[in-house]
Amino acid sequence: MHVDFVATWALAGLMAGGLARALVKLGGYGLRTDLILGLAGSLVGAVIFHVLAMSPETGWLAMAIVAFLGAASMILGQRWWYRHV
């Protein structure tokens, strides 16, 4: 992966973390934690994107969707863990 690809995913992850926080409002530890979880989720999504042999040229929309799904899944996982522990 190239540095610009990772930087783009990081930016998309932060934006997706903020958007996912706005849509998933149950519990949590605050905006900072949601942004960090969104960043981590989008980077996991980037790795999955890369493993599935999809190139960065697939498009911004596909990258944004994968980043959002990764961020939302991390935030939902954290919310589930928060309620059950």
PDB file of N, CA and C in Angstrom:
ATOM      1  N   MET A   1       0.838  -1.180   0.000  1.00  0.00           N
ATOM      2  CA  MET A   1       0.000   0.000   0.000  1.00  0.00           C
ATOM      3  C   MET A   1       0.886   1.246   0.000  1.00  0.00           C
ATOM      4  N   HIS A   2       0.431   2.265  -0.683  1.00  0.00           N
ATOM      5  CA  HIS A   2       1.167   3.510  -0.766  1.00  0.00           C
ATOM      6  C   HIS A   2       0.759   4.433   0.371  1.00  0.00           C
ATOM      7  N   VAL A   3       1.619   5.384   0.677  1.00  0.00           N
ATOM      8  CA  VAL A   3       1.370   6.331   1.760  1.00  0.00           C
ATOM      9  C   VAL A   3       0.118   7.150   1.491  1.00  0.00           C
ATOM     10  N   ASP A   4      -0.092   7.592   0.267  1.00  0.00           N
ATOM     11  CA  ASP A   4      -1.275   8.396  -0.041  1.00  0.00           C
ATOM     12  C   ASP A   4      -2.556   7.576   0.104  1.00  0.00           C
ATOM     13  N   PHE A   5      -2.481   6.284  -0.185  1.00  0.00           N
ATOM     14  CA  PHE A   5      -3.632   5.403  -0.020  1.00  0.00           C
ATOM     15  C   PHE A   5      -4.002   5.287   1.459  1.00  0.00           C
ATOM     16  N   VAL A   6      -2.998   5.105   2.309  1.00  0.00           N
ATOM     17  CA  VAL A   6      -3.240   4.990   3.759  1.00  0.00           C
ATOM     18  C   VAL A   6      -3.749   6.316   4.312  1.00  0.00           C
ATOM     19  N   ALA A   7      -3.186   7.423   3.860  1.00  0.00           N
ATOM     20  CA  ALA A   7      -3.642   8.735   4.323  1.00  0.00           C
ATOM     21  C   ALA A   7      -5.086   8.993   3.913  1.00  0.00           C
ATOM     22  N   THR A   8      -5.446   8.584   2.716  1.00  0.00           N
ATOM     23  CA  THR A   8      -6.825   8.749   2.263  1.00  0.00           C
ATOM     24  C   THR A   8      -7.768   7.905   3.102  1.00  0.00           C
ATOM     25  N   TRP A   9      -7.367   6.667   3.395  1.00  0.00           N
ATOM     26  CA  TRP A   9      -8.191   5.819   4.245  1.00  0.00           C
ATOM     27  C   TRP A   9      -8.321   6.393   5.645  1.00  0.00           C
ATOM     28  N   ALA A  10      -7.234   6.979   6.169  1.00  0.00           N
ATOM     29  CA  ALA A  10      -7.292   7.576   7.501  1.00  0.00           C
ATOM     30  C   ALA A  10      -8.278   8.738   7.525  1.00  0.00           C
ATOM     31  N   LEU A  11      -8.233   9.593   6.524  1.00  0.00           N
ATOM     32  CA  LEU A  11      -9.174  10.708   6.450  1.00  0.00           C
ATOM     33  C   LEU A  11     -10.604  10.200   6.302  1.00  0.00           C
ATOM     34  N   ALA A  12     -10.788   9.217   5.436  1.00  0.00           N
ATOM     35  CA  ALA A  12     -12.127   8.639   5.264  1.00  0.00           C
ATOM     36  C   ALA A  12     -12.599   7.988   6.559  1.00  0.00           C
ATOM     37  N   GLY A  13     -11.685   7.381   7.297  1.00  0.00           N
ATOM     38  CA  GLY A  13     -12.044   6.748   8.565  1.00  0.00           C
ATOM     39  C   GLY A  13     -12.481   7.741   9.614  1.00  0.00           C
ATOM     40  N   LEU A  14     -11.787   8.868   9.691  1.00  0.00           N
ATOM     41  CA  LEU A  14     -12.189   9.898  10.650  1.00  0.00           C
ATOM     42  C   LEU A  14     -13.557  10.467  10.300  1.00  0.00           C
ATOM     43  N   MET A  15     -13.780  10.714   9.023  1.00  0.00           N
ATOM     44  CA  MET A  15     -15.091  11.224   8.607  1.00  0.00           C
ATOM     45  C   MET A  15     -16.169  10.162   8.824  1.00  0.00           C
ATOM     46  N   ALA A  16     -15.856   8.920   8.525  1.00  0.00           N
ATOM     47  CA  ALA A  16     -16.826   7.849   8.715  1.00  0.00           C
ATOM     48  C   ALA A  16     -17.103   7.632  10.202  1.00  0.00           C
ATOM     49  N   GLY A  17     -16.084   7.787  11.043  1.00  0.00           N
ATOM     50  CA  GLY A  17     -16.290   7.675  12.488  1.00  0.00           C
ATOM     51  C   GLY A  17     -17.232   8.738  13.009  1.00  0.00           C
ATOM     52  N   GLY A  18     -17.081   9.959  12.520  1.00  0.00           N
ATOM     53  CA  GLY A  18     -17.995  11.030  12.914  1.00  0.00           C
ATOM     54  C   GLY A  18     -19.411  10.779  12.424  1.00  0.00           C
ATOM     55  N   LEU A  19     -19.542  10.311  11.193  1.00  0.00           N
ATOM     56  CA  LEU A  19     -20.860  10.006  10.640  1.00  0.00           C
ATOM     57  C   LEU A  19     -21.499   8.818  11.355  1.00  0.00           C
ATOM     58  N   ALA A  20     -20.701   7.795  11.618  1.00  0.00           N
ATOM     59  CA  ALA A  20     -21.238   6.630  12.325  1.00  0.00           C
ATOM     60  C   ALA A  20     -21.664   7.000  13.746  1.00  0.00           C
ATOM     61  N   ARG A  21     -20.916   7.905  14.397  1.00  0.00           N
ATOM     62  CA  ARG A  21     -21.293   8.345  15.737  1.00  0.00           C
ATOM     63  C   ARG A  21     -22.638   9.067  15.701  1.00  0.00           C
ATOM     64  N   ALA A  22     -22.856   9.847  14.652  1.00  0.00           N
ATOM     65  CA  ALA A  22     -24.115  10.573  14.527  1.00  0.00           C
ATOM     66  C   ALA A  22     -25.283   9.612  14.317  1.00  0.00           C
ATOM     67  N   LEU A  23     -25.046   8.497  13.638  1.00  0.00           N
ATOM     68  CA  LEU A  23     -26.120   7.541  13.367  1.00  0.00           C
ATOM     69  C   LEU A  23     -26.313   6.515  14.476  1.00  0.00           C
ATOM     70  N   VAL A  24     -25.252   6.212  15.237  1.00  0.00           N
ATOM     71  CA  VAL A  24     -25.305   5.203  16.297  1.00  0.00           C
ATOM     72  C   VAL A  24     -25.066   5.931  17.612  1.00  0.00           C
ATOM     73  N   LYS A  25     -26.146   6.334  18.279  1.00  0.00           N
ATOM     74  CA  LYS A  25     -26.016   7.211  19.435  1.00  0.00           C
ATOM     75  C   LYS A  25     -26.103   6.504  20.788  1.00  0.00           C
ATOM     76  N   LEU A  26     -26.253   5.205  20.834  1.00  0.00           N
ATOM     77  CA  LEU A  26     -26.454   4.503  22.094  1.00  0.00           C
ATOM     78  C   LEU A  26     -25.151   4.349  22.869  1.00  0.00           C
ATOM     79  N   GLY A  27     -25.022   4.985  24.032  1.00  0.00           N
ATOM     80  CA  GLY A  27     -23.870   4.792  24.903  1.00  0.00           C
ATOM     81  C   GLY A  27     -22.570   5.281  24.302  1.00  0.00           C
ATOM     82  N   GLY A  28     -21.494   4.692  24.772  1.00  0.00           N
ATOM     83  CA  GLY A  28     -20.186   5.021  24.224  1.00  0.00           C
ATOM     84  C   GLY A  28     -19.355   5.856  25.167  1.00  0.00           C
ATOM     85  N   TYR A  29     -18.169   6.214  24.719  1.00  0.00           N
ATOM     86  CA  TYR A  29     -17.208   6.947  25.527  1.00  0.00           C
ATOM     87  C   TYR A  29     -16.926   8.338  24.996  1.00  0.00           C
ATOM     88  N   GLY A  30     -17.628   8.784  23.989  1.00  0.00           N
ATOM     89  CA  GLY A  30     -17.436  10.142  23.497  1.00  0.00           C
ATOM     90  C   GLY A  30     -16.915  10.214  22.079  1.00  0.00           C
ATOM     91  N   LEU A  31     -16.794  11.438  21.611  1.00  0.00           N
ATOM     92  CA  LEU A  31     -16.406  11.703  20.228  1.00  0.00           C
ATOM     93  C   LEU A  31     -14.999  11.197  19.920  1.00  0.00           C
ATOM     94  N   ARG A  32     -14.050  11.451  20.799  1.00  0.00           N
ATOM     95  CA  ARG A  32     -12.667  11.039  20.547  1.00  0.00           C
ATOM     96  C   ARG A  32     -12.565   9.531  20.363  1.00  0.00           C
ATOM     97  N   THR A  33     -13.209   8.783  21.236  1.00  0.00           N
ATOM     98  CA  THR A  33     -13.181   7.324  21.131  1.00  0.00           C
ATOM     99  C   THR A  33     -13.860   6.860  19.853  1.00  0.00           C
ATOM    100  N   ASP A  34     -14.971   7.479  19.492  1.00  0.00           N
ATOM    101  CA  ASP A  34     -15.662   7.100  18.258  1.00  0.00           C
ATOM    102  C   ASP A  34     -14.813   7.401  17.029  1.00  0.00           C
ATOM    103  N   LEU A  35     -14.084   8.514  17.043  1.00  0.00           N
ATOM    104  CA  LEU A  35     -13.204   8.819  15.918  1.00  0.00           C
ATOM    105  C   LEU A  35     -12.057   7.818  15.827  1.00  0.00           C
ATOM    106  N   ILE A  36     -11.507   7.426  16.967  1.00  0.00           N
ATOM    107  CA  ILE A  36     -10.433   6.431  16.972  1.00  0.00           C
ATOM    108  C   ILE A  36     -10.962   5.084  16.501  1.00  0.00           C
ATOM    109  N   LEU A  37     -12.147   4.701  16.978  1.00  0.00           N
ATOM    110  CA  LEU A  37     -12.755   3.447  16.517  1.00  0.00           C
ATOM    111  C   LEU A  37     -13.077   3.509  15.028  1.00  0.00           C
ATOM    112  N   GLY A  38     -13.540   4.660  14.569  1.00  0.00           N
ATOM    113  CA  GLY A  38     -13.811   4.828  13.147  1.00  0.00           C
ATOM    114  C   GLY A  38     -12.549   4.713  12.313  1.00  0.00           C
ATOM    115  N   LEU A  39     -11.467   5.297  12.808  1.00  0.00           N
ATOM    116  CA  LEU A  39     -10.190   5.197  12.116  1.00  0.00           C
ATOM    117  C   LEU A  39      -9.715   3.750  12.059  1.00  0.00           C
ATOM    118  N   ALA A  40      -9.802   3.055  13.195  1.00  0.00           N
ATOM    119  CA  ALA A  40      -9.390   1.645  13.227  1.00  0.00           C
ATOM    120  C   ALA A  40     -10.269   0.792  12.322  1.00  0.00           C
ATOM    121  N   GLY A  41     -11.566   1.028  12.350  1.00  0.00           N
ATOM    122  CA  GLY A  41     -12.477   0.271  11.510  1.00  0.00           C
ATOM    123  C   GLY A  41     -12.249   0.498  10.036  1.00  0.00           C
ATOM    124  N   SER A  42     -11.938   1.734   9.675  1.00  0.00           N
ATOM    125  CA  SER A  42     -11.696   2.002   8.261  1.00  0.00           C
ATOM    126  C   SER A  42     -10.383   1.387   7.798  1.00  0.00           C
ATOM    127  N   LEU A  43      -9.383   1.360   8.660  1.00  0.00           N
ATOM    128  CA  LEU A  43      -8.123   0.725   8.279  1.00  0.00           C
ATOM    129  C   LEU A  43      -8.282  -0.784   8.162  1.00  0.00           C
ATOM    130  N   VAL A  44      -9.101  -1.383   9.027  1.00  0.00           N
ATOM    131  CA  VAL A  44      -9.409  -2.814   8.874  1.00  0.00           C
ATOM    132  C   VAL A  44     -10.157  -3.024   7.565  1.00  0.00           C
ATOM    133  N   GLY A  45     -11.082  -2.135   7.259  1.00  0.00           N
ATOM    134  CA  GLY A  45     -11.783  -2.206   5.981  1.00  0.00           C
ATOM    135  C   GLY A  45     -10.832  -2.070   4.807  1.00  0.00           C
ATOM    136  N   ALA A  46      -9.803  -1.228   4.954  1.00  0.00           N
ATOM    137  CA  ALA A  46      -8.811  -1.056   3.888  1.00  0.00           C
ATOM    138  C   ALA A  46      -8.025  -2.339   3.666  1.00  0.00           C
ATOM    139  N   VAL A  47      -7.687  -3.014   4.746  1.00  0.00           N
ATOM    140  CA  VAL A  47      -6.963  -4.276   4.615  1.00  0.00           C
ATOM    141  C   VAL A  47      -7.844  -5.315   3.927  1.00  0.00           C
ATOM    142  N   ILE A  48      -9.102  -5.384   4.318  1.00  0.00           N
ATOM    143  CA  ILE A  48     -10.029  -6.318   3.674  1.00  0.00           C
ATOM    144  C   ILE A  48     -10.188  -5.946   2.200  1.00  0.00           C
ATOM    145  N   PHE A  49     -10.298  -4.661   1.921  1.00  0.00           N
ATOM    146  CA  PHE A  49     -10.396  -4.149   0.553  1.00  0.00           C
ATOM    147  C   PHE A  49      -9.186  -4.605  -0.263  1.00  0.00           C
ATOM    148  N   HIS A  50      -7.999  -4.512   0.352  1.00  0.00           N
ATOM    149  CA  HIS A  50      -6.759  -4.899  -0.328  1.00  0.00           C
ATOM    150  C   HIS A  50      -6.675  -6.418  -0.506  1.00  0.00           C
ATOM    151  N   VAL A  51      -7.082  -7.181   0.501  1.00  0.00           N
ATOM    152  CA  VAL A  51      -7.040  -8.645   0.424  1.00  0.00           C
ATOM    153  C   VAL A  51      -7.977  -9.163  -0.662  1.00  0.00           C
ATOM    154  N   LEU A  52      -9.106  -8.511  -0.846  1.00  0.00           N
ATOM    155  CA  LEU A  52     -10.050  -8.917  -1.881  1.00  0.00           C
ATOM    156  C   LEU A  52      -9.607  -8.471  -3.271  1.00  0.00           C
ATOM    157  N   ALA A  53      -8.394  -7.937  -3.354  1.00  0.00           N
ATOM    158  CA  ALA A  53      -7.772  -7.521  -4.614  1.00  0.00           C
ATOM    159  C   ALA A  53      -8.528  -6.401  -5.316  1.00  0.00           C
ATOM    160  N   MET A  54      -9.157  -5.548  -4.544  1.00  0.00           N
ATOM    161  CA  MET A  54      -9.786  -4.360  -5.117  1.00  0.00           C
ATOM    162  C   MET A  54      -8.753  -3.239  -5.073  1.00  0.00           C
ATOM    163  N   SER A  55      -8.591  -2.559  -6.136  1.00  0.00           N
ATOM    164  CA  SER A  55      -7.573  -1.519  -6.209  1.00  0.00           C
ATOM    165  C   SER A  55      -8.137  -0.182  -5.726  1.00  0.00           C
ATOM    166  N   PRO A  56      -7.261   0.739  -5.364  1.00  0.00           N
ATOM    167  CA  PRO A  56      -7.723   2.077  -4.963  1.00  0.00           C
ATOM    168  C   PRO A  56      -8.459   2.802  -6.080  1.00  0.00           C
ATOM    169  N   GLU A  57      -8.242   2.384  -7.313  1.00  0.00           N
ATOM    170  CA  GLU A  57      -8.913   3.021  -8.438  1.00  0.00           C
ATOM    171  C   GLU A  57     -10.380   2.621  -8.545  1.00  0.00           C
ATOM    172  N   THR A  58     -10.844   1.771  -7.639  1.00  0.00           N
ATOM    173  CA  THR A  58     -12.242   1.345  -7.648  1.00  0.00           C
ATOM    174  C   THR A  58     -13.166   2.549  -7.490  1.00  0.00           C
ATOM    175  N   GLY A  59     -12.715   3.548  -6.762  1.00  0.00           N
ATOM    176  CA  GLY A  59     -13.487   4.777  -6.659  1.00  0.00           C
ATOM    177  C   GLY A  59     -13.690   5.238  -5.227  1.00  0.00           C
ATOM    178  N   TRP A  60     -13.959   6.525  -5.111  1.00  0.00           N
ATOM    179  CA  TRP A  60     -14.166   7.140  -3.808  1.00  0.00           C
ATOM    180  C   TRP A  60     -15.425   6.616  -3.129  1.00  0.00           C
ATOM    181  N   LEU A  61     -16.464   6.356  -3.906  1.00  0.00           N
ATOM    182  CA  LEU A  61     -17.706   5.893  -3.307  1.00  0.00           C
ATOM    183  C   LEU A  61     -17.514   4.536  -2.647  1.00  0.00           C
ATOM    184  N   ALA A  62     -16.850   3.625  -3.315  1.00  0.00           N
ATOM    185  CA  ALA A  62     -16.593   2.306  -2.734  1.00  0.00           C
ATOM    186  C   ALA A  62     -15.720   2.440  -1.495  1.00  0.00           C
ATOM    187  N   MET A  63     -14.708   3.301  -1.545  1.00  0.00           N
ATOM    188  CA  MET A  63     -13.837   3.501  -0.395  1.00  0.00           C
ATOM    189  C   MET A  63     -14.608   4.107   0.768  1.00  0.00           C
ATOM    190  N   ALA A  64     -15.488   5.055   0.495  1.00  0.00           N
ATOM    191  CA  ALA A  64     -16.278   5.679   1.547  1.00  0.00           C
ATOM    192  C   ALA A  64     -17.245   4.682   2.176  1.00  0.00           C
ATOM    193  N   ILE A  65     -17.839   3.828   1.361  1.00  0.00           N
ATOM    194  CA  ILE A  65     -18.774   2.825   1.886  1.00  0.00           C
ATOM    195  C   ILE A  65     -18.044   1.820   2.770  1.00  0.00           C
ATOM    196  N   VAL A  66     -16.890   1.341   2.314  1.00  0.00           N
ATOM    197  CA  VAL A  66     -16.118   0.384   3.114  1.00  0.00           C
ATOM    198  C   VAL A  66     -15.635   1.036   4.408  1.00  0.00           C
ATOM    199  N   ALA A  67     -15.183   2.282   4.340  1.00  0.00           N
ATOM    200  CA  ALA A  67     -14.732   2.991   5.539  1.00  0.00           C
ATOM    201  C   ALA A  67     -15.886   3.177   6.516  1.00  0.00           C
ATOM    202  N   PHE A  68     -17.048   3.557   6.009  1.00  0.00           N
ATOM    203  CA  PHE A  68     -18.198   3.744   6.887  1.00  0.00           C
ATOM    204  C   PHE A  68     -18.632   2.436   7.522  1.00  0.00           C
ATOM    205  N   LEU A  69     -18.688   1.365   6.739  1.00  0.00           N
ATOM    206  CA  LEU A  69     -19.088   0.072   7.292  1.00  0.00           C
ATOM    207  C   LEU A  69     -18.095  -0.416   8.337  1.00  0.00           C
ATOM    208  N   GLY A  70     -16.808  -0.223   8.086  1.00  0.00           N
ATOM    209  CA  GLY A  70     -15.803  -0.601   9.079  1.00  0.00           C
ATOM    210  C   GLY A  70     -15.932   0.228  10.344  1.00  0.00           C
ATOM    211  N   ALA A  71     -16.119   1.525  10.192  1.00  0.00           N
ATOM    212  CA  ALA A  71     -16.262   2.415  11.351  1.00  0.00           C
ATOM    213  C   ALA A  71     -17.524   2.090  12.133  1.00  0.00           C
ATOM    214  N   ALA A  72     -18.630   1.913  11.431  1.00  0.00           N
ATOM    215  CA  ALA A  72     -19.893   1.613  12.114  1.00  0.00           C
ATOM    216  C   ALA A  72     -19.829   0.273  12.828  1.00  0.00           C
ATOM    217  N   SER A  73     -19.185  -0.720  12.224  1.00  0.00           N
ATOM    218  CA  SER A  73     -19.092  -2.024  12.878  1.00  0.00           C
ATOM    219  C   SER A  73     -18.221  -1.952  14.129  1.00  0.00           C
ATOM    220  N   MET A  74     -17.149  -1.173  14.095  1.00  0.00           N
ATOM    221  CA  MET A  74     -16.315  -1.006  15.286  1.00  0.00           C
ATOM    222  C   MET A  74     -17.080  -0.274  16.388  1.00  0.00           C
ATOM    223  N   ILE A  75     -17.818   0.756  16.024  1.00  0.00           N
ATOM    224  CA  ILE A  75     -18.573   1.516  17.020  1.00  0.00           C
ATOM    225  C   ILE A  75     -19.702   0.665  17.593  1.00  0.00           C
ATOM    226  N   LEU A  76     -20.407  -0.070  16.737  1.00  0.00           N
ATOM    227  CA  LEU A  76     -21.460  -0.961  17.238  1.00  0.00           C
ATOM    228  C   LEU A  76     -20.884  -2.053  18.134  1.00  0.00           C
ATOM    229  N   GLY A  77     -19.719  -2.578  17.763  1.00  0.00           N
ATOM    230  CA  GLY A  77     -19.060  -3.572  18.608  1.00  0.00           C
ATOM    231  C   GLY A  77     -18.686  -3.003  19.966  1.00  0.00           C
ATOM    232  N   GLN A  78     -18.193  -1.782  19.982  1.00  0.00           N
ATOM    233  CA  GLN A  78     -17.859  -1.129  21.248  1.00  0.00           C
ATOM    234  C   GLN A  78     -19.104  -0.885  22.086  1.00  0.00           C
ATOM    235  N   ARG A  79     -20.197  -0.470  21.432  1.00  0.00           N
ATOM    236  CA  ARG A  79     -21.443  -0.239  22.168  1.00  0.00           C
ATOM    237  C   ARG A  79     -21.973  -1.549  22.764  1.00  0.00           C
ATOM    238  N   TRP A  80     -21.878  -2.625  21.999  1.00  0.00           N
ATOM    239  CA  TRP A  80     -22.331  -3.928  22.496  1.00  0.00           C
ATOM    240  C   TRP A  80     -21.475  -4.333  23.690  1.00  0.00           C
ATOM    241  N   TRP A  81     -20.167  -4.193  23.573  1.00  0.00           N
ATOM    242  CA  TRP A  81     -19.255  -4.568  24.653  1.00  0.00           C
ATOM    243  C   TRP A  81     -19.538  -3.714  25.891  1.00  0.00           C
ATOM    244  N   TYR A  82     -19.788  -2.431  25.699  1.00  0.00           N
ATOM    245  CA  TYR A  82     -20.065  -1.495  26.785  1.00  0.00           C
ATOM    246  C   TYR A  82     -21.295  -1.915  27.572  1.00  0.00           C
ATOM    247  N   ARG A  83     -22.333  -2.404  26.887  1.00  0.00           N
ATOM    248  CA  ARG A  83     -23.569  -2.812  27.559  1.00  0.00           C
ATOM    249  C   ARG A  83     -23.473  -4.171  28.228  1.00  0.00           C
ATOM    250  N   HIS A  84     -22.588  -5.065  27.739  1.00  0.00           N
ATOM    251  CA  HIS A  84     -22.547  -6.430  28.242  1.00  0.00           C
ATOM    252  C   HIS A  84     -21.385  -6.708  29.197  1.00  0.00           C
ATOM    253  N   VAL A  85     -20.587  -5.734  29.508  1.00  0.00           N
ATOM    254  CA  VAL A  85     -19.475  -5.976  30.430  1.00  0.00           C
ATOM    255  C   VAL A  85     -19.688  -5.197  31.686  1.00  0.00           C
TER     256      VAL A  85
END
